[in-house]
Structure formats: structure tokens, C-alpha cells
């Protein structure tokens, strides 16, 4: 399974770079703005090969992603209630998170419902060939709130659930 997990991680690394480029372009920034913060090749960093702010001769920078495989066992259906939350509402600290889930359980709080009572949570779709992208606190901060961190939670269900989660962070020097 290690080879499969390594391959998955590498593919998610490529996808993460594509998304960072898309975020930058959507904000009318140079397309490599966030990728440079991701892999430590920012022209403002003190890289030894940075004489002309060209990193073509530099080995590709490291990524700052963490992958987690999580299993949520199903609970007795008599114990599962609408308000029974497995992981309480939160936002992720990192730039963004890629998530794949095998069954329902992940819920989002849409932006226009943050101040409603009761909160209006929506279920994240479960699609075998797709990842859910969750904007994190770091991306909200660096875009001055233009892109907002996504509040989310995981509710208890009567069915078991697997999730593959990749947290993407900027380089510590950013």
C-alpha cells in the first residue's frame, strides 16, 4: 500500500500546484505567486540559486503537504441523532485541504448562513472520482479575506466512512 499512497500523494501534489496557480490567476496575481510560497522558491526568499530570481537551476522545492487516512466507524443507528457531531465545526489552519470521502458525513456551512440560527449545514457531495477543496485560514489571511476559510464538520453516521485528506501549507519562510 505504500507505493499506492506515495503515488496518490504525488498526484495530489500536482493537483495542489494546479489549484494554487488557479487561485492566483483568479485573483489577478502572477500565476506562480502561491506556488512559490508553497515550495519555498519565492523570489523574496534567500535561496542560494536566486541571483536573478530565476530558479530554473534549483532543484524543485519541497512541498508542505500532509496526508491523512481517516476511518470513522459507523455507529448504532439508535445512537445517531441529527446533532451528533463526530468532529465539531472548524476551519483548517493550512492554505487549503483536498478531501476524498467514501460516504456522506462531511458538512459545510455556506457563507451566507454563518449568522443564522439554527446554522444551515449542507452535505458535501460524495463522488468517487473527485476531491472536495476546502479553503483554509492561511489562504483567507494572505488574500485579506477575498477567499474565505470554509467552516466544516463531520457528523456521526450509521455507516462506516473513510476519508483521504491532504492539508496544503505554505513554506515556513512565507
Foldseek 3Di string as FASTA:
>chain_A
DVVVVVVVVVVVVVVVLVVQLVVQVVVVHHSCVQVCQFFVLQLPDPDPPNPPSDCPVPDTGDGDKDKDKDKDAADDQVPFDPPAFPFDKDFAAAQKKWKAKPDKFKWWQDPVQPPPPPGDIDIDDHDRVGIDIFGGPVNCVVVVNPDPGIIMTGGHHRHMMMMMMMGGHGPPVD
